[in-house]
Every structure is written in structure tokens, then in C-alpha cells.
Amino acid sequence: MLIKPENLQRSGSFKLRGALNRALQLNAAQRDCGIVTWSSGNHGLAISFVARELGIRATVLMPYDAPKTKVEGVRQNGASVRLYDKTKEDREEIGAQIAAESGAVIVPPYDDPYVITGQATLGAEIAHQAAEIGVSLDVALFSCSGGGLVSGAACGVHTLMPRAAIYSVEAAGFDGMALSLAAGEPRKAPALATSICDALLVPAPGKLTFPICRKHLAGGLSVDDDEVKEAIRFAYRDLKLVVEPGGAVALAALLAGKLEITGKTAAILVSGGNVDSDKFANYLTNVSEPEHA
């Protein structure tokens, strides 16, 4: 099993790749007007980091219940944070209003061709690194929410290793991609409960991402909170990695036996490591959080 630790990436997750690629496409006038985006955390961290490095103003819409470490990180990077109530407000409507008033360019977290292309570098990099050690991938697993990562990464892997079977992994109850792949058309997950995977709470795949995934993915998997916590503990204990819940789902799927890989070479992505310290301590000791009790 090969593990790609994107939790060690600058800004703490794979999101940097898509954010950087999108920002580099802006012309001078667009840079002057800035960027507006919405994010539960990692995309916001990436956009704010890239904006700071490129000297671009950025506004990030984040839900009130976003992890504190992510909200603080976005602010420390110099971006403006506009908190919103996701039960009463529509983040895309707010973003569109800000863009209309300021001229800022909207950079969505996943349904954008440049963001998807940026994430494709991850899949290509994994395939090339596998080739460098003399192995060919049979299977690759990527975390999934709206599908920007897995759609791009699958394309990247398949540029070098077209026979590799690619799987999305989602939080249980928010497995819109898995449902859509099984149905052959877009489906929305029930999202009736909650999940500790705050980065993976989009219940349906994107308009751009699903057609790509339908072409490139072998299927979709899902994991529950207990399986994710076990993966977080495994990563800390055996890999010496700090992984956030949404970043641990691919590892969780294999540890829980969701896919048979005996005799196969599998690559999995650890996609992010931005997690509140108190919550991380609870995951390690298997103490339930009050809001999920």
C-alpha cells in the first residue's frame, strides 16, 4: 500500500494545487478585484495562502461551525472571513452578491475546470512516483465531497496508468458520488445525520465533476465516523501523521476492508491535516464529541 501524505502540503491539504492553478489564470484586472470563495476550511486555507503569496485580496465564506483552526488559519493568511448560517443562508448567493459588488472572481471549491486540473497534478504525481519505484497501480482511493479532487486525480493517474481502478471515498450519509455512479446519473445523498468529516459534507457531485468521474471511476465507497476515527488513530500511531477526519477516509476504507486489495498495489491519499487540537485528542482517545453524542 502506497500513501500520499498531502496533509504535509503547504496550507495542510491537497487543495493548494487547485487553488494555485486557478489563481494563476487570473489576468491583471481580475487580480486587482480579488477572489471570493466559500469553504468549510481547506479550500479557504488554500485560497487565502495563494492570495497572500500572489498579493491578491480574498474573501472566504465559512459556516459558523467550521473548525476553529481553519477559520483562524484563513484569517492569519490575511483573507477576510464572512461567517454564515448554512441552515438559513446560501453561500453561493452570498458569494455572487459580493462578486457583483466588488468585481471579485468567484473560485468555487470543486466545480471549476482549473481547480480540477490543478488536482490532476496529484494523481499524475502519484502515478509517476509509483513508476519510479517500479510498480504499477492496480487501485487508487481518493476522498470525495463535490468531486473536484477525485475527478482530477483520476485523470492524472490514468495519463500514466490507464488500467488503475479509481474509487471515491465519502462520509456515510453524504455519499452522493457513490449513489450517482451506481445510478449512472446524478443523485443526492440523504445527509440526514451529521459527520465528523467536516470537509466532506457536500451531498451531491458537481455538474462538471460527475461526468468525469462516471468515465474514470470504478466505483464509490463510504465510511462511518467510527471507521474514520480508527484511521486517524492508525495514522497517528503507525504513520506518525496528524490527519483530519475528511483526510482519513481513504485510509479508513482500506482498514475497514471496504475493498479487497490482496495481491494488488494500492495507493491512497491522506488529503488533509487541518484539525482542531481538542477534537483530535478526542479522536485519539475515542471520546465522543458533545455535538455528536
C-alpha atoms as a PDB file:
ATOM      1  CA  MET A   1       0.000   0.000   0.000  1.00  0.00           C
ATOM      2  CA  LEU A   2       1.352   3.403  -1.002  1.00  0.00           C
ATOM      3  CA  ILE A   3       0.315   6.503   0.940  1.00  0.00           C
ATOM      4  CA  LYS A   4       0.422  10.054  -0.409  1.00  0.00           C
ATOM      5  CA  PRO A   5       0.530  12.439   2.605  1.00  0.00           C
ATOM      6  CA  GLU A   6      -0.967  15.677   1.282  1.00  0.00           C
ATOM      7  CA  ASN A   7      -1.613  16.668   4.894  1.00  0.00           C
ATOM      8  CA  LEU A   8       2.035  17.772   4.741  1.00  0.00           C
ATOM      9  CA  GLN A   9       1.319  20.059   1.797  1.00  0.00           C
ATOM     10  CA  ARG A  10       1.604  23.818   2.282  1.00  0.00           C
ATOM     11  CA  SER A  11      -1.711  25.016   3.782  1.00  0.00           C
ATOM     12  CA  GLY A  12      -2.209  21.482   5.074  1.00  0.00           C
ATOM     13  CA  SER A  13      -4.068  19.769   2.243  1.00  0.00           C
ATOM     14  CA  PHE A  14      -4.242  18.879  -1.451  1.00  0.00           C
ATOM     15  CA  LYS A  15      -6.454  21.943  -2.015  1.00  0.00           C
ATOM     16  CA  LEU A  16      -3.384  24.079  -2.625  1.00  0.00           C
ATOM     17  CA  ARG A  17      -2.955  22.529  -6.074  1.00  0.00           C
ATOM     18  CA  GLY A  18      -6.330  23.569  -7.427  1.00  0.00           C
ATOM     19  CA  ALA A  19      -6.320  26.963  -5.726  1.00  0.00           C
ATOM     20  CA  LEU A  20      -2.897  27.844  -7.098  1.00  0.00           C
ATOM     21  CA  ASN A  21      -3.730  26.722 -10.617  1.00  0.00           C
ATOM     22  CA  ARG A  22      -6.953  28.752 -10.623  1.00  0.00           C
ATOM     23  CA  ALA A  23      -5.331  31.878  -9.223  1.00  0.00           C
ATOM     24  CA  LEU A  24      -2.539  31.749 -11.793  1.00  0.00           C
ATOM     25  CA  GLN A  25      -5.145  32.049 -14.575  1.00  0.00           C
ATOM     26  CA  LEU A  26      -6.291  35.492 -13.392  1.00  0.00           C
ATOM     27  CA  ASN A  27      -5.314  38.473 -15.504  1.00  0.00           C
ATOM     28  CA  ALA A  28      -4.081  41.749 -14.003  1.00  0.00           C
ATOM     29  CA  ALA A  29      -7.546  43.327 -13.833  1.00  0.00           C
ATOM     30  CA  GLN A  30      -9.019  40.255 -12.147  1.00  0.00           C
ATOM     31  CA  ARG A  31      -6.202  40.174  -9.603  1.00  0.00           C
ATOM     32  CA  ASP A  32      -6.934  43.793  -8.718  1.00  0.00           C
ATOM     33  CA  CYS A  33     -10.562  42.873  -7.982  1.00  0.00           C
ATOM     34  CA  GLY A  34      -9.649  39.879  -5.844  1.00  0.00           C
ATOM     35  CA  ILE A  35     -11.181  36.478  -5.190  1.00  0.00           C
ATOM     36  CA  VAL A  36     -14.279  35.310  -3.360  1.00  0.00           C
ATOM     37  CA  THR A  37     -14.919  31.702  -2.436  1.00  0.00           C
ATOM     38  CA  TRP A  38     -16.787  29.503   0.021  1.00  0.00           C
ATOM     39  CA  SER A  39     -15.318  26.675   2.026  1.00  0.00           C
ATOM     40  CA  SER A  40     -15.688  24.597   5.168  1.00  0.00           C
ATOM     41  CA  GLY A  41     -11.960  25.105   5.589  1.00  0.00           C
ATOM     42  CA  ASN A  42      -9.306  23.545   3.390  1.00  0.00           C
ATOM     43  CA  HIS A  43     -10.184  25.320   0.142  1.00  0.00           C
ATOM     44  CA  GLY A  44     -10.381  28.556   2.094  1.00  0.00           C
ATOM     45  CA  LEU A  45      -6.977  27.923   3.630  1.00  0.00           C
ATOM     46  CA  ALA A  46      -5.528  27.219   0.200  1.00  0.00           C
ATOM     47  CA  ILE A  47      -7.097  30.255  -1.456  1.00  0.00           C
ATOM     48  CA  SER A  48      -6.036  32.557   1.380  1.00  0.00           C
ATOM     49  CA  PHE A  49      -2.482  31.192   1.276  1.00  0.00           C
ATOM     50  CA  VAL A  50      -2.218  31.547  -2.500  1.00  0.00           C
ATOM     51  CA  ALA A  51      -3.800  35.009  -2.412  1.00  0.00           C
ATOM     52  CA  ARG A  52      -1.267  36.147   0.166  1.00  0.00           C
ATOM     53  CA  GLU A  53       1.627  34.781  -1.879  1.00  0.00           C
ATOM     54  CA  LEU A  54       0.372  36.445  -5.073  1.00  0.00           C
ATOM     55  CA  GLY A  55      -0.726  39.713  -3.476  1.00  0.00           C
ATOM     56  CA  ILE A  56      -4.443  39.215  -4.184  1.00  0.00           C
ATOM     57  CA  ARG A  57      -7.320  40.172  -1.887  1.00  0.00           C
ATOM     58  CA  ALA A  58      -9.523  37.251  -0.886  1.00  0.00           C
ATOM     59  CA  THR A  59     -12.858  36.828   0.856  1.00  0.00           C
ATOM     60  CA  VAL A  60     -13.784  33.399   2.178  1.00  0.00           C
ATOM     61  CA  LEU A  61     -17.326  32.437   3.216  1.00  0.00           C
ATOM     62  CA  MET A  62     -17.244  29.880   6.012  1.00  0.00           C
ATOM     63  CA  PRO A  63     -20.023  28.276   8.070  1.00  0.00           C
ATOM     64  CA  TYR A  64     -20.297  29.209  11.724  1.00  0.00           C
ATOM     65  CA  ASP A  65     -19.489  25.605  12.699  1.00  0.00           C
ATOM     66  CA  ALA A  66     -16.292  25.403  10.642  1.00  0.00           C
ATOM     67  CA  PRO A  67     -13.291  24.132  12.640  1.00  0.00           C
ATOM     68  CA  LYS A  68     -11.684  26.949  14.599  1.00  0.00           C
ATOM     69  CA  THR A  69      -8.210  26.088  13.352  1.00  0.00           C
ATOM     70  CA  LYS A  70      -9.382  26.531   9.759  1.00  0.00           C
ATOM     71  CA  VAL A  71     -11.151  29.832  10.363  1.00  0.00           C
ATOM     72  CA  GLU A  72      -8.159  31.191  12.260  1.00  0.00           C
ATOM     73  CA  GLY A  73      -5.788  29.939   9.571  1.00  0.00           C
ATOM     74  CA  VAL A  74      -7.706  31.748   6.823  1.00  0.00           C
ATOM     75  CA  ARG A  75      -7.618  34.981   8.815  1.00  0.00           C
ATOM     76  CA  GLN A  76      -3.917  34.586   9.600  1.00  0.00           C
ATOM     77  CA  ASN A  77      -3.274  34.310   5.876  1.00  0.00           C
ATOM     78  CA  GLY A  78      -4.772  37.769   5.502  1.00  0.00           C
ATOM     79  CA  ALA A  79      -8.124  36.916   3.921  1.00  0.00           C
ATOM     80  CA  SER A  80     -11.465  38.328   5.041  1.00  0.00           C
ATOM     81  CA  VAL A  81     -13.796  35.737   6.561  1.00  0.00           C
ATOM     82  CA  ARG A  82     -17.546  36.126   6.240  1.00  0.00           C
ATOM     83  CA  LEU A  83     -19.281  33.592   8.511  1.00  0.00           C
ATOM     84  CA  TYR A  84     -22.734  32.373   7.505  1.00  0.00           C
ATOM     85  CA  ASP A  85     -25.511  30.162   8.839  1.00  0.00           C
ATOM     86  CA  LYS A  86     -25.696  27.206   6.484  1.00  0.00           C
ATOM     87  CA  THR A  87     -29.191  26.338   7.711  1.00  0.00           C
ATOM     88  CA  LYS A  88     -30.572  29.724   6.675  1.00  0.00           C
ATOM     89  CA  GLU A  89     -28.193  31.249   4.131  1.00  0.00           C
ATOM     90  CA  ASP A  90     -26.996  30.179   0.681  1.00  0.00           C
ATOM     91  CA  ARG A  91     -23.238  30.567   0.403  1.00  0.00           C
ATOM     92  CA  GLU A  92     -23.304  30.721  -3.397  1.00  0.00           C
ATOM     93  CA  GLU A  93     -25.842  33.549  -3.342  1.00  0.00           C
ATOM     94  CA  ILE A  94     -23.719  35.461  -0.853  1.00  0.00           C
ATOM     95  CA  GLY A  95     -20.634  34.877  -2.977  1.00  0.00           C
ATOM     96  CA  ALA A  96     -22.417  36.040  -6.126  1.00  0.00           C
ATOM     97  CA  GLN A  97     -23.538  39.220  -4.357  1.00  0.00           C
ATOM     98  CA  ILE A  98     -20.006  40.006  -3.174  1.00  0.00           C
ATOM     99  CA  ALA A  99     -18.662  39.352  -6.670  1.00  0.00           C
ATOM    100  CA  ALA A 100     -21.275  41.635  -8.221  1.00  0.00           C
ATOM    101  CA  GLU A 101     -20.487  44.452  -5.802  1.00  0.00           C
ATOM    102  CA  SER A 102     -16.684  44.191  -5.857  1.00  0.00           C
ATOM    103  CA  GLY A 103     -15.869  42.573  -9.195  1.00  0.00           C
ATOM    104  CA  ALA A 104     -14.138  39.708  -7.367  1.00  0.00           C
ATOM    105  CA  VAL A 105     -13.675  36.466  -9.255  1.00  0.00           C
ATOM    106  CA  ILE A 106     -15.593  33.510  -7.834  1.00  0.00           C
ATOM    107  CA  VAL A 107     -13.369  30.474  -7.293  1.00  0.00           C
ATOM    108  CA  PRO A 108     -15.604  27.540  -6.277  1.00  0.00           C
ATOM    109  CA  PRO A 109     -14.048  24.717  -4.240  1.00  0.00           C
ATOM    110  CA  TYR A 110     -14.540  21.947  -6.797  1.00  0.00           C
ATOM    111  CA  ASP A 111     -16.758  22.697  -9.812  1.00  0.00           C
ATOM    112  CA  ASP A 112     -14.186  24.661 -11.784  1.00  0.00           C
ATOM    113  CA  PRO A 113     -12.078  23.329 -14.693  1.00  0.00           C
ATOM    114  CA  TYR A 114      -8.871  24.982 -13.457  1.00  0.00           C
ATOM    115  CA  VAL A 115      -9.369  23.701  -9.919  1.00  0.00           C
ATOM    116  CA  ILE A 116      -9.972  20.189 -11.264  1.00  0.00           C
ATOM    117  CA  THR A 117      -6.886  20.445 -13.489  1.00  0.00           C
ATOM    118  CA  GLY A 118      -4.817  21.520 -10.503  1.00  0.00           C
ATOM    119  CA  GLN A 119      -5.924  18.445  -8.575  1.00  0.00           C
ATOM    120  CA  ALA A 120      -4.979  16.306 -11.582  1.00  0.00           C
ATOM    121  CA  THR A 121      -1.334  17.023 -10.783  1.00  0.00           C
ATOM    122  CA  LEU A 122      -1.794  14.962  -7.632  1.00  0.00           C
ATOM    123  CA  GLY A 123      -2.917  11.853  -9.491  1.00  0.00           C
ATOM    124  CA  ALA A 124      -0.169  12.258 -12.078  1.00  0.00           C
ATOM    125  CA  GLU A 125       2.415  12.694  -9.324  1.00  0.00           C
ATOM    126  CA  ILE A 126       1.256   9.546  -7.534  1.00  0.00           C
ATOM    127  CA  ALA A 127       1.456   7.522 -10.745  1.00  0.00           C
ATOM    128  CA  HIS A 128       4.918   8.854 -11.592  1.00  0.00           C
ATOM    129  CA  GLN A 129       6.205   8.191  -8.083  1.00  0.00           C
ATOM    130  CA  ALA A 130       4.856   4.644  -8.234  1.00  0.00           C
ATOM    131  CA  ALA A 131       6.575   4.135 -11.586  1.00  0.00           C
ATOM    132  CA  GLU A 132       9.838   5.425 -10.134  1.00  0.00           C
ATOM    133  CA  ILE A 133       9.868   2.598  -7.599  1.00  0.00           C
ATOM    134  CA  GLY A 134       8.983   0.069 -10.268  1.00  0.00           C
ATOM    135  CA  VAL A 135       5.323  -0.621  -9.513  1.00  0.00           C
ATOM    136  CA  SER A 136       2.095  -0.153 -11.459  1.00  0.00           C
ATOM    137  CA  LEU A 137      -1.034   0.829  -9.576  1.00  0.00           C
ATOM    138  CA  ASP A 138      -3.928  -1.572  -9.537  1.00  0.00           C
ATOM    139  CA  VAL A 139      -6.113   0.569  -7.282  1.00  0.00           C
ATOM    140  CA  ALA A 140      -6.179   4.163  -6.037  1.00  0.00           C
ATOM    141  CA  LEU A 141      -8.547   5.673  -3.461  1.00  0.00           C
ATOM    142  CA  PHE A 142      -9.303   9.376  -3.043  1.00  0.00           C
ATOM    143  CA  SER A 143     -11.527  11.242  -0.612  1.00  0.00           C
ATOM    144  CA  CYS A 144     -14.568  12.846  -2.179  1.00  0.00           C
ATOM    145  CA  SER A 145     -17.126  15.532  -1.456  1.00  0.00           C
ATOM    146  CA  GLY A 146     -18.104  17.544  -4.525  1.00  0.00           C
ATOM    147  CA  GLY A 147     -15.654  15.535  -6.604  1.00  0.00           C
ATOM    148  CA  GLY A 148     -13.028  18.093  -7.607  1.00  0.00           C
ATOM    149  CA  LEU A 149     -10.205  16.019  -6.164  1.00  0.00           C
ATOM    150  CA  VAL A 150     -11.169  12.564  -7.345  1.00  0.00           C
ATOM    151  CA  SER A 151     -12.176  13.693 -10.839  1.00  0.00           C
ATOM    152  CA  GLY A 152      -8.891  15.483 -11.410  1.00  0.00           C
ATOM    153  CA  ALA A 153      -6.737  12.891  -9.669  1.00  0.00           C
ATOM    154  CA  ALA A 154      -8.317  10.046 -11.640  1.00  0.00           C
ATOM    155  CA  CYS A 155      -7.440  11.805 -14.884  1.00  0.00           C
ATOM    156  CA  GLY A 156      -3.910  12.322 -13.606  1.00  0.00           C
ATOM    157  CA  VAL A 157      -3.429   8.674 -12.657  1.00  0.00           C
ATOM    158  CA  HIS A 158      -4.890   7.466 -15.935  1.00  0.00           C
ATOM    159  CA  THR A 159      -2.480   9.535 -18.030  1.00  0.00           C
ATOM    160  CA  LEU A 160       0.248   7.095 -16.999  1.00  0.00           C
ATOM    161  CA  MET A 161      -1.610   4.059 -15.643  1.00  0.00           C
ATOM    162  CA  PRO A 162      -4.921   3.784 -17.509  1.00  0.00           C
ATOM    163  CA  ARG A 163      -5.784   0.369 -16.059  1.00  0.00           C
ATOM    164  CA  ALA A 164      -5.773   1.508 -12.434  1.00  0.00           C
ATOM    165  CA  ALA A 165      -9.173   1.225 -10.749  1.00  0.00           C
ATOM    166  CA  ILE A 166     -10.031   4.538  -9.080  1.00  0.00           C
ATOM    167  CA  TYR A 167     -12.513   4.778  -6.205  1.00  0.00           C
ATOM    168  CA  SER A 168     -14.058   7.742  -4.439  1.00  0.00           C
ATOM    169  CA  VAL A 169     -14.480   7.532  -0.663  1.00  0.00           C
ATOM    170  CA  GLU A 170     -17.116   9.610   1.108  1.00  0.00           C
ATOM    171  CA  ALA A 171     -18.591  10.093   4.554  1.00  0.00           C
ATOM    172  CA  ALA A 172     -21.561   7.817   5.212  1.00  0.00           C
ATOM    173  CA  GLY A 173     -24.820   9.647   4.522  1.00  0.00           C
ATOM    174  CA  PHE A 174     -23.030  12.122   2.275  1.00  0.00           C
ATOM    175  CA  ASP A 175     -22.098   9.583  -0.416  1.00  0.00           C
ATOM    176  CA  GLY A 176     -23.674  11.370  -3.369  1.00  0.00           C
ATOM    177  CA  MET A 177     -20.883  10.357  -5.723  1.00  0.00           C
ATOM    178  CA  ALA A 178     -21.226   6.657  -4.892  1.00  0.00           C
ATOM    179  CA  LEU A 179     -25.003   6.833  -5.376  1.00  0.00           C
ATOM    180  CA  SER A 180     -24.584   8.712  -8.643  1.00  0.00           C
ATOM    181  CA  LEU A 181     -22.031   6.267 -10.016  1.00  0.00           C
ATOM    182  CA  ALA A 182     -24.287   3.337  -9.150  1.00  0.00           C
ATOM    183  CA  ALA A 183     -27.287   5.012 -10.796  1.00  0.00           C
ATOM    184  CA  GLY A 184     -25.385   6.263 -13.823  1.00  0.00           C
ATOM    185  CA  GLU A 185     -26.770   9.763 -13.278  1.00  0.00           C
ATOM    186  CA  PRO A 186     -26.506  12.455 -10.588  1.00  0.00           C
ATOM    187  CA  ARG A 187     -28.032  11.567  -7.237  1.00  0.00           C
ATOM    188  CA  LYS A 188     -28.158  13.397  -3.921  1.00  0.00           C
ATOM    189  CA  ALA A 189     -27.312  11.642  -0.671  1.00  0.00           C
ATOM    190  CA  PRO A 190     -29.858  11.898   2.168  1.00  0.00           C
ATOM    191  CA  ALA A 191     -27.499  13.813   4.506  1.00  0.00           C
ATOM    192  CA  LEU A 192     -29.938  13.165   7.340  1.00  0.00           C
ATOM    193  CA  ALA A 193     -27.316  12.762  10.052  1.00  0.00           C
ATOM    194  CA  THR A 194     -24.053  14.562  10.698  1.00  0.00           C
ATOM    195  CA  SER A 195     -20.431  13.510  10.332  1.00  0.00           C
ATOM    196  CA  ILE A 196     -17.092  14.397  11.873  1.00  0.00           C
ATOM    197  CA  CYS A 197     -15.806  14.752   8.281  1.00  0.00           C
ATOM    198  CA  ASP A 198     -16.483  18.491   8.088  1.00  0.00           C
ATOM    199  CA  ALA A 199     -14.601  18.735   4.779  1.00  0.00           C
ATOM    200  CA  LEU A 200     -16.849  16.181   3.060  1.00  0.00           C
ATOM    201  CA  LEU A 201     -20.399  17.359   3.638  1.00  0.00           C
ATOM    202  CA  VAL A 202     -21.462  18.110   0.056  1.00  0.00           C
ATOM    203  CA  PRO A 203     -24.321  15.652  -0.605  1.00  0.00           C
ATOM    204  CA  ALA A 204     -24.146  15.608  -4.423  1.00  0.00           C
ATOM    205  CA  PRO A 205     -21.391  15.635  -7.041  1.00  0.00           C
ATOM    206  CA  GLY A 206     -20.695  18.738  -9.095  1.00  0.00           C
ATOM    207  CA  LYS A 207     -22.033  19.370 -12.573  1.00  0.00           C
ATOM    208  CA  LEU A 208     -18.517  19.271 -14.008  1.00  0.00           C
ATOM    209  CA  THR A 209     -17.072  16.594 -11.761  1.00  0.00           C
ATOM    210  CA  PHE A 210     -19.665  13.845 -12.159  1.00  0.00           C
ATOM    211  CA  PRO A 211     -19.268  13.272 -15.930  1.00  0.00           C
ATOM    212  CA  ILE A 212     -15.522  12.953 -15.423  1.00  0.00           C
ATOM    213  CA  CYS A 213     -15.969  10.528 -12.544  1.00  0.00           C
ATOM    214  CA  ARG A 214     -18.516   8.465 -14.469  1.00  0.00           C
ATOM    215  CA  LYS A 215     -15.853   7.973 -17.144  1.00  0.00           C
ATOM    216  CA  HIS A 216     -12.846   7.357 -14.904  1.00  0.00           C
ATOM    217  CA  LEU A 217     -14.054   5.789 -11.644  1.00  0.00           C
ATOM    218  CA  ALA A 218     -14.611   2.104 -10.934  1.00  0.00           C
ATOM    219  CA  GLY A 219     -16.981   2.866  -8.066  1.00  0.00           C
ATOM    220  CA  GLY A 220     -17.619   4.712  -4.827  1.00  0.00           C
ATOM    221  CA  LEU A 221     -17.171   3.729  -1.181  1.00  0.00           C
ATOM    222  CA  SER A 222     -18.251   5.268   2.115  1.00  0.00           C
ATOM    223  CA  VAL A 223     -17.111   5.069   5.735  1.00  0.00           C
ATOM    224  CA  ASP A 224     -18.736   5.944   9.047  1.00  0.00           C
ATOM    225  CA  ASP A 225     -17.362   8.063  11.879  1.00  0.00           C
ATOM    226  CA  ASP A 226     -16.050   5.119  13.909  1.00  0.00           C
ATOM    227  CA  GLU A 227     -14.107   3.830  10.916  1.00  0.00           C
ATOM    228  CA  VAL A 228     -12.688   7.296  10.318  1.00  0.00           C
ATOM    229  CA  LYS A 229     -11.593   7.623  13.951  1.00  0.00           C
ATOM    230  CA  GLU A 230      -9.798   4.288  13.741  1.00  0.00           C
ATOM    231  CA  ALA A 231      -7.965   5.502  10.648  1.00  0.00           C
ATOM    232  CA  ILE A 232      -6.967   8.721  12.446  1.00  0.00           C
ATOM    233  CA  ARG A 233      -5.575   6.672  15.327  1.00  0.00           C
ATOM    234  CA  PHE A 234      -3.740   4.339  12.915  1.00  0.00           C
ATOM    235  CA  ALA A 235      -2.206   7.283  11.059  1.00  0.00           C
ATOM    236  CA  TYR A 236      -1.009   8.860  14.300  1.00  0.00           C
ATOM    237  CA  ARG A 237       0.238   5.633  15.878  1.00  0.00           C
ATOM    238  CA  ASP A 238       1.776   3.845  12.905  1.00  0.00           C
ATOM    239  CA  LEU A 239       2.474   6.564  10.345  1.00  0.00           C
ATOM    240  CA  LYS A 240       3.212   9.447  12.733  1.00  0.00           C
ATOM    241  CA  LEU A 241       0.814  11.647  10.772  1.00  0.00           C
ATOM    242  CA  VAL A 242      -1.805  14.097  12.017  1.00  0.00           C
ATOM    243  CA  VAL A 243      -4.830  13.629   9.779  1.00  0.00           C
ATOM    244  CA  GLU A 244      -8.201  15.357   9.880  1.00  0.00           C
ATOM    245  CA  PRO A 245     -11.384  13.247   9.552  1.00  0.00           C
ATOM    246  CA  GLY A 246     -12.108  14.123   5.918  1.00  0.00           C
ATOM    247  CA  GLY A 247      -8.487  13.462   5.068  1.00  0.00           C
ATOM    248  CA  ALA A 248      -8.569   9.975   6.566  1.00  0.00           C
ATOM    249  CA  VAL A 249     -11.492   8.412   4.692  1.00  0.00           C
ATOM    250  CA  ALA A 250      -9.460   6.634   2.003  1.00  0.00           C
ATOM    251  CA  LEU A 251      -7.273   5.058   4.669  1.00  0.00           C
ATOM    252  CA  ALA A 252     -10.393   4.214   6.664  1.00  0.00           C
ATOM    253  CA  ALA A 253     -11.933   2.401   3.710  1.00  0.00           C
ATOM    254  CA  LEU A 254      -8.964   0.073   3.349  1.00  0.00           C
ATOM    255  CA  LEU A 255      -8.551  -0.520   7.087  1.00  0.00           C
ATOM    256  CA  ALA A 256     -12.263  -1.373   7.304  1.00  0.00           C
ATOM    257  CA  GLY A 257     -11.996  -3.855   4.424  1.00  0.00           C
ATOM    258  CA  LYS A 258     -14.323  -1.944   2.097  1.00  0.00           C
ATOM    259  CA  LEU A 259     -12.220  -3.045  -0.868  1.00  0.00           C
ATOM    260  CA  GLU A 260     -10.262  -6.262  -1.382  1.00  0.00           C
ATOM    261  CA  ILE A 261      -6.669  -5.442  -2.312  1.00  0.00           C
ATOM    262  CA  THR A 262      -4.874  -8.702  -1.574  1.00  0.00           C
ATOM    263  CA  GLY A 263      -2.125  -9.169  -4.129  1.00  0.00           C
ATOM    264  CA  LYS A 264      -2.685  -5.667  -5.531  1.00  0.00           C
ATOM    265  CA  THR A 265      -0.723  -2.437  -5.413  1.00  0.00           C
ATOM    266  CA  ALA A 266      -2.945   0.240  -3.941  1.00  0.00           C
ATOM    267  CA  ALA A 267      -2.346   3.953  -3.472  1.00  0.00           C
ATOM    268  CA  ILE A 268      -4.377   6.001  -1.026  1.00  0.00           C
ATOM    269  CA  LEU A 269      -4.478   9.715  -0.390  1.00  0.00           C
ATOM    270  CA  VAL A 270      -4.252  11.281   3.043  1.00  0.00           C
ATOM    271  CA  SER A 271      -5.769  14.527   1.869  1.00  0.00           C
ATOM    272  CA  GLY A 272      -5.595  16.940   4.806  1.00  0.00           C
ATOM    273  CA  GLY A 273      -4.388  17.542   8.340  1.00  0.00           C
ATOM    274  CA  ASN A 274      -6.216  20.667   9.493  1.00  0.00           C
ATOM    275  CA  VAL A 275      -7.991  19.569  12.662  1.00  0.00           C
ATOM    276  CA  ASP A 276      -8.788  21.310  15.950  1.00  0.00           C
ATOM    277  CA  SER A 277      -6.433  20.057  18.656  1.00  0.00           C
ATOM    278  CA  ASP A 278      -9.185  19.263  21.166  1.00  0.00           C
ATOM    279  CA  LYS A 279     -11.154  17.257  18.629  1.00  0.00           C
ATOM    280  CA  PHE A 280      -8.013  15.438  17.529  1.00  0.00           C
ATOM    281  CA  ALA A 281      -7.300  14.464  21.146  1.00  0.00           C
ATOM    282  CA  ASN A 282     -10.851  13.108  21.423  1.00  0.00           C
ATOM    283  CA  TYR A 283     -10.419  11.037  18.271  1.00  0.00           C
ATOM    284  CA  LEU A 284      -7.201   9.540  19.592  1.00  0.00           C
ATOM    285  CA  THR A 285      -8.792   8.589  22.905  1.00  0.00           C
ATOM    286  CA  ASN A 286     -12.115   7.666  21.262  1.00  0.00           C
ATOM    287  CA  VAL A 287     -14.069  10.173  23.315  1.00  0.00           C
ATOM    288  CA  SER A 288     -17.310  11.316  21.722  1.00  0.00           C
ATOM    289  CA  GLU A 289     -17.712  14.989  20.918  1.00  0.00           C
ATOM    290  CA  PRO A 290     -20.671  16.666  22.648  1.00  0.00           C
ATOM    291  CA  GLU A 291     -22.322  17.664  19.354  1.00  0.00           C
ATOM    292  CA  HIS A 292     -22.224  14.087  18.103  1.00  0.00           C
ATOM    293  CA  ALA A 293     -23.119  12.366  21.375  1.00  0.00           C
END
